[in-house]
């Protein structure tokens, strides 16, 4: 599994779609569908961080959870190079969305998630050591070995082993998120989805946790899908960035290229909203459209200050604009968009 024949990929997603039924009335009759994801394509190489950004409701969290099959996708393919499945005598590359339960259990070792709220993701009735040891217990590791491994994992994320005896409510938000990261690392995964993993933390703590993600990536060769609404956060950790709007990727670019010259008006508006961004560009106007009745043509055209008549009738595909960027805009080559 390769990207244009130039690099081996860890994960390749094609045509990912997720639809949720909408029910109304006293008898909860089905009244339509929400297309939370609509034809998402993503590639991630070993050791790479792909940032996934967009407003609330854009589909970015749904994408991360569908890839891990915490939500069952409605359509699509997702090929993953699984070290664990291969070691168990299975194929090296597995279609995640078609994997039977036996393979999916093995794949859980290779793919983990760090959630936004560390308190709700930890069992408040269990001590920190037990919380971190849960994946190890499920994998059949003995109690003495689990305790030794938990102490090492806590040290890897910058926590003292003495915290093993405390409960989650006795730790700060930053400490709890480090515990959640330690638990995600317990089975030595290859790929982690970080779902708004620093958005609930204070700004000073955010920087520490982001640096921890980078240090772990360098030490372990981890690949991340880093989901966030804050472009400044994603810029700090990502090699490439995918911008989502209404369930679709509207721009995909190397991080430096995206900030130097965005190719989609929505990306320009997001960049303009970054604290400290220079210039007097107009931010995106209005609210996202109703996902049950999305607009025709380009889904962004009702809010786009550059919109032309063709934008209301024809949906632009995501296409390569430069070697470093792709965009879904009819005028990606001609609009004079500005970065920072």
Foldseek 3Di string as FASTA:
>chain_A
DDDVPPADFQKWKWQWWAKDFAFDDPVRDTDFIFTLAGTEIDTWHFLFEEEEAEDPSLNLVVVVCCLLPVPQTPDIWMWGQQPQCVVVVHDRIDTQNPDPPVVSVSVLLAEEEQEQFLVVVFDQVAALLCRLLVVVVVVPDDPVVSLVLSQVLCVLLPHHSVSRGHGPVVDDRLSSSSSSVSSRPSSPHQEYEYANSPVVDDPVSLVSVLVSVVVCSVVRRHYYHYYDHALVSCLVRHQKYFYGGSNYTFKIFGSVVCQAFNQDQQSLLNQVPHPPDDDDDDHFDDDQDDSRDAAAADSRQVRGPVDDPNRRHHWFDFDDDDPGMTGGDPQSPPDRGGHD
